[in-house]
Amino acid sequence: MVPSSTAAYQSLQGFKRRSAQDTVSEAENKYNVGGLKDRVSSLRGLVGNLESSVEAVDPSVTGRTTGTFTTEGQRQALVSRERAPILTDLGKQQRALGEGVSEYSGAQGLAGNLANILLSENQTEYQGKLDQYNAALASEQAAEQKRQFEEQLKLQREQQAAAERASNAANRSLAGYFGDGSKDSSASDPASEVKNTAKAEVQQSLVDNASDYGAISREINAIMKSASYGNTKDKYKLEWYKALMPGLFKDGNVNMGRLDALSGMNRSIGGRGSAAFEAFARSQR
């Protein structure tokens, strides 16, 4: 299970990264590289001193035998005799120096390998924690994006459903005003088709212009003018408007004062035009 990004970040922040210098020092201490280096240095100094001692024997013997009856052979024999123990010690120390250099070199190699391993393991562990944090963060961001998308989708569906309910309510309200058209006796009324068409257009106009009372006023005035010229359908439409909202008509014209009152009523209830028409129309029946 992927941990939370907060927990992964805390783990990443708490991780101690190795420094190359400290790691090398730790590895060298493990293999005593410093001690071996000091020993090699000491042996080199000792070998150097013994070599100097060997070289000093001849001058020393010469100085001590000059002016005596010592022959050259005797002098050389004396030099060889005095050099012998020094050369023996020198050989011993030279072997020790060679072994020390080899051991020091081997310890350096082991320490270097160990330091590389420790640094590599440390980097691998750090990278793992970093990858874990990045994965946790990406997972949480993806989950949040999905949540926001689903929430937005839910809101859109709710808004669409609310709009459909409002539309259905408006249609039902207007259907109540006009009655069920299926009950019209169109067979006995030759003008029923024109009447029904007029009725449907008035109903659709009230739905389309539920919040635009100026449009309703203009439409009714246009219908009145057309009806005065003998347009049969507009005559029926005018009858529907008068039957539905008789209070809107005064002296044969649309009563703008009543439309203004209806407009104010609509604004006061938040723009729900069909509800305003319903209340107003009932008051005019």
C-alpha atoms as a PDB file:
ATOM      1  CA  MET A   1       0.000   0.000   0.000  1.00  0.00           C
ATOM      2  CA  VAL A   2       1.371   3.401  -1.007  1.00  0.00           C
ATOM      3  CA  PRO A   3       1.817   5.641   2.066  1.00  0.00           C
ATOM      4  CA  SER A   4       0.444   9.150   2.177  1.00  0.00           C
ATOM      5  CA  SER A   5       2.564  11.854   0.588  1.00  0.00           C
ATOM      6  CA  THR A   6       2.926  13.493   4.024  1.00  0.00           C
ATOM      7  CA  ALA A   7       4.334  10.323   5.595  1.00  0.00           C
ATOM      8  CA  ALA A   8       6.584   9.703   2.578  1.00  0.00           C
ATOM      9  CA  TYR A   9       7.862  13.291   2.713  1.00  0.00           C
ATOM     10  CA  GLN A  10       8.619  13.039   6.426  1.00  0.00           C
ATOM     11  CA  SER A  11      10.525   9.794   5.811  1.00  0.00           C
ATOM     12  CA  LEU A  12      12.463  11.479   2.999  1.00  0.00           C
ATOM     13  CA  GLN A  13      13.293  14.509   5.145  1.00  0.00           C
ATOM     14  CA  GLY A  14      14.420  12.311   8.037  1.00  0.00           C
ATOM     15  CA  PHE A  15      16.787  10.281   5.861  1.00  0.00           C
ATOM     16  CA  LYS A  16      20.474  10.978   6.480  1.00  0.00           C
ATOM     17  CA  ARG A  17      22.540  11.115   3.346  1.00  0.00           C
ATOM     18  CA  ARG A  18      26.189  10.111   3.535  1.00  0.00           C
ATOM     19  CA  SER A  19      28.978  12.508   2.664  1.00  0.00           C
ATOM     20  CA  ALA A  20      31.836  11.081   0.611  1.00  0.00           C
ATOM     21  CA  GLN A  21      34.473  12.348   3.069  1.00  0.00           C
ATOM     22  CA  ASP A  22      32.793  10.856   6.150  1.00  0.00           C
ATOM     23  CA  THR A  23      32.195   7.558   4.366  1.00  0.00           C
ATOM     24  CA  VAL A  24      35.818   7.264   3.236  1.00  0.00           C
ATOM     25  CA  SER A  25      36.999   8.043   6.769  1.00  0.00           C
ATOM     26  CA  GLU A  26      34.674   5.365   8.180  1.00  0.00           C
ATOM     27  CA  ALA A  27      35.970   2.775   5.711  1.00  0.00           C
ATOM     28  CA  GLU A  28      39.624   3.669   6.330  1.00  0.00           C
ATOM     29  CA  ASN A  29      39.117   3.382  10.087  1.00  0.00           C
ATOM     30  CA  LYS A  30      37.601  -0.065   9.612  1.00  0.00           C
ATOM     31  CA  TYR A  31      40.726  -1.293   7.769  1.00  0.00           C
ATOM     32  CA  ASN A  32      43.221   0.746   9.871  1.00  0.00           C
ATOM     33  CA  VAL A  33      44.523   2.582   6.822  1.00  0.00           C
ATOM     34  CA  GLY A  34      45.842   5.438   8.983  1.00  0.00           C
ATOM     35  CA  GLY A  35      47.751   3.091  11.305  1.00  0.00           C
ATOM     36  CA  LEU A  36      49.294   1.190   8.397  1.00  0.00           C
ATOM     37  CA  LYS A  37      50.318   4.434   6.778  1.00  0.00           C
ATOM     38  CA  ASP A  38      52.090   5.552   9.965  1.00  0.00           C
ATOM     39  CA  ARG A  39      53.872   2.176  10.200  1.00  0.00           C
ATOM     40  CA  VAL A  40      55.084   2.389   6.608  1.00  0.00           C
ATOM     41  CA  SER A  41      56.321   5.922   7.233  1.00  0.00           C
ATOM     42  CA  SER A  42      58.152   4.773  10.355  1.00  0.00           C
ATOM     43  CA  LEU A  43      59.780   1.826   8.547  1.00  0.00           C
ATOM     44  CA  ARG A  44      60.899   4.068   5.720  1.00  0.00           C
ATOM     45  CA  GLY A  45      62.549   6.369   8.226  1.00  0.00           C
ATOM     46  CA  LEU A  46      64.261   3.416   9.939  1.00  0.00           C
ATOM     47  CA  VAL A  47      65.498   1.965   6.637  1.00  0.00           C
ATOM     48  CA  GLY A  48      66.808   5.369   5.650  1.00  0.00           C
ATOM     49  CA  ASN A  49      68.711   5.697   8.945  1.00  0.00           C
ATOM     50  CA  LEU A  50      70.227   2.197   8.588  1.00  0.00           C
ATOM     51  CA  GLU A  51      71.308   2.941   5.055  1.00  0.00           C
ATOM     52  CA  SER A  52      72.994   6.114   6.300  1.00  0.00           C
ATOM     53  CA  SER A  53      74.680   4.093   9.069  1.00  0.00           C
ATOM     54  CA  VAL A  54      76.025   1.590   6.543  1.00  0.00           C
ATOM     55  CA  GLU A  55      77.467   4.386   4.462  1.00  0.00           C
ATOM     56  CA  ALA A  56      79.027   6.035   7.564  1.00  0.00           C
ATOM     57  CA  VAL A  57      81.024   2.912   8.590  1.00  0.00           C
ATOM     58  CA  ASP A  58      83.771   3.276   5.972  1.00  0.00           C
ATOM     59  CA  PRO A  59      84.602   6.916   6.755  1.00  0.00           C
ATOM     60  CA  SER A  60      84.479   6.157  10.449  1.00  0.00           C
ATOM     61  CA  VAL A  61      86.921   3.240  10.189  1.00  0.00           C
ATOM     62  CA  THR A  62      89.201   5.218   7.893  1.00  0.00           C
ATOM     63  CA  GLY A  63      89.300   8.086  10.358  1.00  0.00           C
ATOM     64  CA  ARG A  64      90.116   5.800  13.237  1.00  0.00           C
ATOM     65  CA  THR A  65      92.844   3.868  11.425  1.00  0.00           C
ATOM     66  CA  THR A  66      94.596   6.738   9.701  1.00  0.00           C
ATOM     67  CA  GLY A  67      98.136   7.191  11.041  1.00  0.00           C
ATOM     68  CA  THR A  68      98.256   3.683  12.458  1.00  0.00           C
ATOM     69  CA  PHE A  69      99.963   0.614  11.135  1.00  0.00           C
ATOM     70  CA  THR A  70      96.661  -0.808   9.861  1.00  0.00           C
ATOM     71  CA  THR A  71      96.911  -2.192   6.375  1.00  0.00           C
ATOM     72  CA  GLU A  72      94.248  -1.632   3.752  1.00  0.00           C
ATOM     73  CA  GLY A  73      93.176  -5.225   4.071  1.00  0.00           C
ATOM     74  CA  GLN A  74      92.819  -4.855   7.780  1.00  0.00           C
ATOM     75  CA  ARG A  75      90.870  -1.626   7.282  1.00  0.00           C
ATOM     76  CA  GLN A  76      88.432  -3.216   4.813  1.00  0.00           C
ATOM     77  CA  ALA A  77      87.987  -6.210   7.085  1.00  0.00           C
ATOM     78  CA  LEU A  78      87.161  -3.856   9.933  1.00  0.00           C
ATOM     79  CA  VAL A  79      84.624  -1.995   7.712  1.00  0.00           C
ATOM     80  CA  SER A  80      82.951  -5.267   6.737  1.00  0.00           C
ATOM     81  CA  ARG A  81      82.839  -6.441  10.327  1.00  0.00           C
ATOM     82  CA  GLU A  82      81.202  -3.225  11.534  1.00  0.00           C
ATOM     83  CA  ARG A  83      78.786  -3.130   8.624  1.00  0.00           C
ATOM     84  CA  ALA A  84      77.554  -6.703   9.072  1.00  0.00           C
ATOM     85  CA  PRO A  85      75.084  -6.209  11.962  1.00  0.00           C
ATOM     86  CA  ILE A  86      73.786  -2.987  10.420  1.00  0.00           C
ATOM     87  CA  LEU A  87      73.215  -4.675   7.058  1.00  0.00           C
ATOM     88  CA  THR A  88      71.420  -7.555   8.775  1.00  0.00           C
ATOM     89  CA  ASP A  89      69.098  -5.137  10.540  1.00  0.00           C
ATOM     90  CA  LEU A  90      68.702  -3.153   7.318  1.00  0.00           C
ATOM     91  CA  GLY A  91      67.601  -6.243   5.419  1.00  0.00           C
ATOM     92  CA  LYS A  92      65.092  -7.107   8.103  1.00  0.00           C
ATOM     93  CA  GLN A  93      63.614  -3.629   8.097  1.00  0.00           C
ATOM     94  CA  GLN A  94      63.512  -3.505   4.296  1.00  0.00           C
ATOM     95  CA  ARG A  95      61.450  -6.721   4.257  1.00  0.00           C
ATOM     96  CA  ALA A  96      59.173  -5.287   6.909  1.00  0.00           C
ATOM     97  CA  LEU A  97      58.816  -2.122   4.841  1.00  0.00           C
ATOM     98  CA  GLY A  98      57.833  -4.128   1.760  1.00  0.00           C
ATOM     99  CA  GLU A  99      55.239  -6.048   3.726  1.00  0.00           C
ATOM    100  CA  GLY A 100      53.952  -2.824   5.266  1.00  0.00           C
ATOM    101  CA  VAL A 101      53.609  -1.131   1.881  1.00  0.00           C
ATOM    102  CA  SER A 102      51.718  -4.151   0.520  1.00  0.00           C
ATOM    103  CA  GLU A 103      49.401  -4.282   3.539  1.00  0.00           C
ATOM    104  CA  TYR A 104      48.813  -0.533   3.372  1.00  0.00           C
ATOM    105  CA  SER A 105      48.013  -0.691  -0.331  1.00  0.00           C
ATOM    106  CA  GLY A 106      45.583  -3.595   0.242  1.00  0.00           C
ATOM    107  CA  ALA A 107      43.845  -1.758   3.077  1.00  0.00           C
ATOM    108  CA  GLN A 108      43.462   1.303   0.890  1.00  0.00           C
ATOM    109  CA  GLY A 109      41.808  -0.807  -1.820  1.00  0.00           C
ATOM    110  CA  LEU A 110      39.420  -2.472   0.646  1.00  0.00           C
ATOM    111  CA  ALA A 111      38.520   0.866   2.206  1.00  0.00           C
ATOM    112  CA  GLY A 112      37.846   2.391  -1.205  1.00  0.00           C
ATOM    113  CA  ASN A 113      35.578  -0.499  -2.198  1.00  0.00           C
ATOM    114  CA  LEU A 114      33.696  -0.319   1.088  1.00  0.00           C
ATOM    115  CA  ALA A 115      33.220   3.435   0.766  1.00  0.00           C
ATOM    116  CA  ASN A 116      31.810   3.003  -2.758  1.00  0.00           C
ATOM    117  CA  ILE A 117      29.415   0.292  -1.562  1.00  0.00           C
ATOM    118  CA  LEU A 118      28.200   2.363   1.389  1.00  0.00           C
ATOM    119  CA  LEU A 119      27.662   5.453  -0.784  1.00  0.00           C
ATOM    120  CA  SER A 120      25.837   3.408  -3.448  1.00  0.00           C
ATOM    121  CA  GLU A 121      23.537   1.757  -0.881  1.00  0.00           C
ATOM    122  CA  ASN A 122      22.821   5.116   0.695  1.00  0.00           C
ATOM    123  CA  GLN A 123      21.956   6.670  -2.674  1.00  0.00           C
ATOM    124  CA  THR A 124      19.754   3.691  -3.600  1.00  0.00           C
ATOM    125  CA  GLU A 125      17.837   3.972  -0.328  1.00  0.00           C
ATOM    126  CA  TYR A 126      17.394   7.719  -0.782  1.00  0.00           C
ATOM    127  CA  GLN A 127      16.183   7.266  -4.361  1.00  0.00           C
ATOM    128  CA  GLY A 128      13.686   4.663  -3.178  1.00  0.00           C
ATOM    129  CA  LYS A 129      12.233   7.079  -0.630  1.00  0.00           C
ATOM    130  CA  LEU A 130      12.133   9.847  -3.251  1.00  0.00           C
ATOM    131  CA  ASP A 131      10.335   7.565  -5.727  1.00  0.00           C
ATOM    132  CA  GLN A 132       7.872   6.567  -3.005  1.00  0.00           C
ATOM    133  CA  TYR A 133       7.112  10.200  -2.233  1.00  0.00           C
ATOM    134  CA  ASN A 134       6.636  11.063  -5.923  1.00  0.00           C
ATOM    135  CA  ALA A 135       4.333   8.042  -6.392  1.00  0.00           C
ATOM    136  CA  ALA A 136       2.249   8.968  -3.332  1.00  0.00           C
ATOM    137  CA  LEU A 137       1.960  12.570  -4.479  1.00  0.00           C
ATOM    138  CA  ALA A 138       0.962  11.552  -8.016  1.00  0.00           C
ATOM    139  CA  SER A 139      -1.613   9.093  -6.652  1.00  0.00           C
ATOM    140  CA  GLU A 140      -3.196  11.714  -4.407  1.00  0.00           C
ATOM    141  CA  GLN A 141      -3.274  14.291  -7.197  1.00  0.00           C
ATOM    142  CA  ALA A 142      -4.948  11.784  -9.531  1.00  0.00           C
ATOM    143  CA  ALA A 143      -7.499  10.906  -6.843  1.00  0.00           C
ATOM    144  CA  GLU A 144      -8.259  14.598  -6.245  1.00  0.00           C
ATOM    145  CA  GLN A 145      -8.682  15.248  -9.968  1.00  0.00           C
ATOM    146  CA  LYS A 146     -11.055  12.277 -10.187  1.00  0.00           C
ATOM    147  CA  ARG A 147     -13.026  13.544  -7.184  1.00  0.00           C
ATOM    148  CA  GLN A 148     -13.328  17.026  -8.663  1.00  0.00           C
ATOM    149  CA  PHE A 149     -14.402  15.594 -12.025  1.00  0.00           C
ATOM    150  CA  GLU A 150     -17.052  13.371 -10.420  1.00  0.00           C
ATOM    151  CA  GLU A 151     -18.266  16.261  -8.262  1.00  0.00           C
ATOM    152  CA  GLN A 152     -18.538  18.530 -11.306  1.00  0.00           C
ATOM    153  CA  LEU A 153     -20.326  15.789 -13.248  1.00  0.00           C
ATOM    154  CA  LYS A 154     -22.750  15.276 -10.361  1.00  0.00           C
ATOM    155  CA  LEU A 155     -23.415  19.030 -10.186  1.00  0.00           C
ATOM    156  CA  GLN A 156     -24.053  19.194 -13.924  1.00  0.00           C
ATOM    157  CA  ARG A 157     -26.486  16.282 -13.690  1.00  0.00           C
ATOM    158  CA  GLU A 158     -28.286  17.917 -10.779  1.00  0.00           C
ATOM    159  CA  GLN A 159     -28.513  21.212 -12.673  1.00  0.00           C
ATOM    160  CA  GLN A 160     -29.806  19.419 -15.757  1.00  0.00           C
ATOM    161  CA  ALA A 161     -32.376  17.510 -13.696  1.00  0.00           C
ATOM    162  CA  ALA A 162     -33.485  20.745 -11.992  1.00  0.00           C
ATOM    163  CA  ALA A 163     -33.858  22.457 -15.375  1.00  0.00           C
ATOM    164  CA  GLU A 164     -35.905  19.529 -16.682  1.00  0.00           C
ATOM    165  CA  ARG A 165     -38.121  19.587 -13.598  1.00  0.00           C
ATOM    166  CA  ALA A 166     -38.654  23.339 -13.979  1.00  0.00           C
ATOM    167  CA  SER A 167     -39.481  22.936 -17.667  1.00  0.00           C
ATOM    168  CA  ASN A 168     -41.884  20.086 -16.971  1.00  0.00           C
ATOM    169  CA  ALA A 169     -43.518  22.115 -14.196  1.00  0.00           C
ATOM    170  CA  ALA A 170     -43.955  25.091 -16.526  1.00  0.00           C
ATOM    171  CA  ASN A 171     -45.482  22.890 -19.220  1.00  0.00           C
ATOM    172  CA  ARG A 172     -47.838  21.251 -16.739  1.00  0.00           C
ATOM    173  CA  SER A 173     -48.850  24.670 -15.410  1.00  0.00           C
ATOM    174  CA  LEU A 174     -49.658  26.002 -18.867  1.00  0.00           C
ATOM    175  CA  ALA A 175     -51.427  22.780 -19.784  1.00  0.00           C
ATOM    176  CA  GLY A 176     -53.624  23.376 -16.761  1.00  0.00           C
ATOM    177  CA  TYR A 177     -54.552  26.801 -18.049  1.00  0.00           C
ATOM    178  CA  PHE A 178     -55.432  25.579 -21.514  1.00  0.00           C
ATOM    179  CA  GLY A 179     -56.908  22.219 -20.592  1.00  0.00           C
ATOM    180  CA  ASP A 180     -56.350  18.886 -22.302  1.00  0.00           C
ATOM    181  CA  GLY A 181     -56.416  19.422 -26.046  1.00  0.00           C
ATOM    182  CA  SER A 182     -57.325  15.784 -26.557  1.00  0.00           C
ATOM    183  CA  LYS A 183     -60.799  16.575 -25.221  1.00  0.00           C
ATOM    184  CA  ASP A 184     -61.534  19.099 -27.998  1.00  0.00           C
ATOM    185  CA  SER A 185     -64.306  17.964 -30.294  1.00  0.00           C
ATOM    186  CA  SER A 186     -62.374  18.698 -33.451  1.00  0.00           C
ATOM    187  CA  ALA A 187     -64.623  16.436 -35.464  1.00  0.00           C
ATOM    188  CA  SER A 188     -67.639  18.719 -34.876  1.00  0.00           C
ATOM    189  CA  ASP A 189     -65.700  22.008 -35.210  1.00  0.00           C
ATOM    190  CA  PRO A 190     -64.196  22.751 -38.659  1.00  0.00           C
ATOM    191  CA  ALA A 191     -62.030  25.503 -37.144  1.00  0.00           C
ATOM    192  CA  SER A 192     -60.678  23.276 -34.357  1.00  0.00           C
ATOM    193  CA  GLU A 193     -57.370  22.694 -36.147  1.00  0.00           C
ATOM    194  CA  VAL A 194     -56.737  26.436 -36.403  1.00  0.00           C
ATOM    195  CA  LYS A 195     -57.856  26.869 -32.784  1.00  0.00           C
ATOM    196  CA  ASN A 196     -55.529  24.110 -31.584  1.00  0.00           C
ATOM    197  CA  THR A 197     -52.632  25.587 -33.553  1.00  0.00           C
ATOM    198  CA  ALA A 198     -53.331  28.999 -32.048  1.00  0.00           C
ATOM    199  CA  LYS A 199     -53.556  27.438 -28.602  1.00  0.00           C
ATOM    200  CA  ALA A 200     -50.214  25.605 -29.060  1.00  0.00           C
ATOM    201  CA  GLU A 201     -48.449  28.757 -30.255  1.00  0.00           C
ATOM    202  CA  VAL A 202     -49.744  30.786 -27.310  1.00  0.00           C
ATOM    203  CA  GLN A 203     -48.631  28.067 -24.928  1.00  0.00           C
ATOM    204  CA  GLN A 204     -45.165  27.904 -26.519  1.00  0.00           C
ATOM    205  CA  SER A 205     -44.871  31.709 -26.460  1.00  0.00           C
ATOM    206  CA  LEU A 206     -45.606  31.779 -22.734  1.00  0.00           C
ATOM    207  CA  VAL A 207     -42.947  29.122 -22.143  1.00  0.00           C
ATOM    208  CA  ASP A 208     -40.339  30.845 -24.332  1.00  0.00           C
ATOM    209  CA  ASN A 209     -41.015  34.326 -22.923  1.00  0.00           C
ATOM    210  CA  ALA A 210     -41.748  33.337 -19.329  1.00  0.00           C
ATOM    211  CA  SER A 211     -39.445  36.082 -18.065  1.00  0.00           C
ATOM    212  CA  ASP A 212     -39.687  38.586 -20.942  1.00  0.00           C
ATOM    213  CA  TYR A 213     -42.902  40.548 -20.452  1.00  0.00           C
ATOM    214  CA  GLY A 214     -41.911  43.139 -23.006  1.00  0.00           C
ATOM    215  CA  ALA A 215     -41.841  40.370 -25.646  1.00  0.00           C
ATOM    216  CA  ILE A 216     -45.295  39.206 -24.547  1.00  0.00           C
ATOM    217  CA  SER A 217     -46.622  42.766 -24.797  1.00  0.00           C
ATOM    218  CA  ARG A 218     -45.166  43.234 -28.276  1.00  0.00           C
ATOM    219  CA  GLU A 219     -46.520  39.895 -29.427  1.00  0.00           C
ATOM    220  CA  ILE A 220     -50.056  40.595 -28.144  1.00  0.00           C
ATOM    221  CA  ASN A 221     -50.097  44.036 -29.786  1.00  0.00           C
ATOM    222  CA  ALA A 222     -48.922  42.475 -33.053  1.00  0.00           C
ATOM    223  CA  ILE A 223     -51.604  39.785 -32.781  1.00  0.00           C
ATOM    224  CA  MET A 224     -54.287  42.414 -32.106  1.00  0.00           C
ATOM    225  CA  LYS A 225     -53.196  44.324 -35.225  1.00  0.00           C
ATOM    226  CA  SER A 226     -53.124  41.164 -37.350  1.00  0.00           C
ATOM    227  CA  ALA A 227     -56.521  40.057 -35.994  1.00  0.00           C
ATOM    228  CA  SER A 228     -57.969  43.466 -36.910  1.00  0.00           C
ATOM    229  CA  TYR A 229     -56.967  42.707 -40.507  1.00  0.00           C
ATOM    230  CA  GLY A 230     -58.938  39.477 -40.368  1.00  0.00           C
ATOM    231  CA  ASN A 231     -56.220  36.881 -39.588  1.00  0.00           C
ATOM    232  CA  THR A 232     -58.263  33.960 -38.223  1.00  0.00           C
ATOM    233  CA  LYS A 233     -55.469  32.251 -36.308  1.00  0.00           C
ATOM    234  CA  ASP A 234     -54.432  35.489 -34.636  1.00  0.00           C
ATOM    235  CA  LYS A 235     -58.062  36.098 -33.661  1.00  0.00           C
ATOM    236  CA  TYR A 236     -58.050  32.745 -31.868  1.00  0.00           C
ATOM    237  CA  LYS A 237     -54.679  33.521 -30.279  1.00  0.00           C
ATOM    238  CA  LEU A 238     -56.038  36.822 -29.026  1.00  0.00           C
ATOM    239  CA  GLU A 239     -59.006  34.979 -27.529  1.00  0.00           C
ATOM    240  CA  TRP A 240     -56.646  32.609 -25.739  1.00  0.00           C
ATOM    241  CA  TYR A 241     -54.630  35.492 -24.268  1.00  0.00           C
ATOM    242  CA  LYS A 242     -57.804  37.309 -23.172  1.00  0.00           C
ATOM    243  CA  ALA A 243     -59.237  34.120 -21.687  1.00  0.00           C
ATOM    244  CA  LEU A 244     -56.006  33.396 -19.859  1.00  0.00           C
ATOM    245  CA  MET A 245     -55.166  36.919 -18.678  1.00  0.00           C
ATOM    246  CA  PRO A 246     -58.148  39.249 -19.086  1.00  0.00           C
ATOM    247  CA  GLY A 247     -56.662  41.731 -16.631  1.00  0.00           C
ATOM    248  CA  LEU A 248     -53.908  42.522 -19.121  1.00  0.00           C
ATOM    249  CA  PHE A 249     -56.358  44.134 -21.552  1.00  0.00           C
ATOM    250  CA  LYS A 250     -57.829  47.622 -21.196  1.00  0.00           C
ATOM    251  CA  ASP A 251     -59.763  49.526 -23.847  1.00  0.00           C
ATOM    252  CA  GLY A 252     -58.753  46.938 -26.431  1.00  0.00           C
ATOM    253  CA  ASN A 253     -54.995  47.315 -25.766  1.00  0.00           C
ATOM    254  CA  VAL A 254     -52.473  45.591 -23.562  1.00  0.00           C
ATOM    255  CA  ASN A 255     -52.426  47.096 -20.060  1.00  0.00           C
ATOM    256  CA  MET A 256     -48.709  47.826 -19.621  1.00  0.00           C
ATOM    257  CA  GLY A 257     -49.221  48.641 -15.960  1.00  0.00           C
ATOM    258  CA  ARG A 258     -50.371  45.087 -15.352  1.00  0.00           C
ATOM    259  CA  LEU A 259     -47.357  43.710 -17.245  1.00  0.00           C
ATOM    260  CA  ASP A 260     -45.056  45.880 -15.153  1.00  0.00           C
ATOM    261  CA  ALA A 261     -46.667  44.472 -12.011  1.00  0.00           C
ATOM    262  CA  LEU A 262     -46.221  40.958 -13.321  1.00  0.00           C
ATOM    263  CA  SER A 263     -42.559  41.706 -14.161  1.00  0.00           C
ATOM    264  CA  GLY A 264     -41.956  42.951 -10.608  1.00  0.00           C
ATOM    265  CA  MET A 265     -43.616  39.833  -9.233  1.00  0.00           C
ATOM    266  CA  ASN A 266     -41.290  37.672 -11.323  1.00  0.00           C
ATOM    267  CA  ARG A 267     -38.163  39.463 -10.083  1.00  0.00           C
ATOM    268  CA  SER A 268     -39.280  39.197  -6.463  1.00  0.00           C
ATOM    269  CA  ILE A 269     -39.423  35.398  -6.672  1.00  0.00           C
ATOM    270  CA  GLY A 270     -36.065  34.981  -8.364  1.00  0.00           C
ATOM    271  CA  GLY A 271     -36.966  34.845 -12.058  1.00  0.00           C
ATOM    272  CA  ARG A 272     -39.327  31.841 -11.974  1.00  0.00           C
ATOM    273  CA  GLY A 273     -41.542  33.171 -14.766  1.00  0.00           C
ATOM    274  CA  SER A 274     -43.959  30.226 -14.926  1.00  0.00           C
ATOM    275  CA  ALA A 275     -44.778  30.544 -11.229  1.00  0.00           C
ATOM    276  CA  ALA A 276     -45.450  34.272 -11.645  1.00  0.00           C
ATOM    277  CA  PHE A 277     -47.740  33.620 -14.616  1.00  0.00           C
ATOM    278  CA  GLU A 278     -49.532  30.933 -12.717  1.00  0.00           C
ATOM    279  CA  ALA A 279     -50.258  33.159  -9.724  1.00  0.00           C
ATOM    280  CA  PHE A 280     -51.196  36.126 -11.893  1.00  0.00           C
ATOM    281  CA  ALA A 281     -53.291  34.134 -14.347  1.00  0.00           C
ATOM    282  CA  ARG A 282     -55.304  32.557 -11.545  1.00  0.00           C
ATOM    283  CA  SER A 283     -56.010  35.994 -10.139  1.00  0.00           C
ATOM    284  CA  GLN A 284     -57.350  37.096 -13.551  1.00  0.00           C
ATOM    285  CA  ARG A 285     -59.657  34.164 -14.195  1.00  0.00           C
END
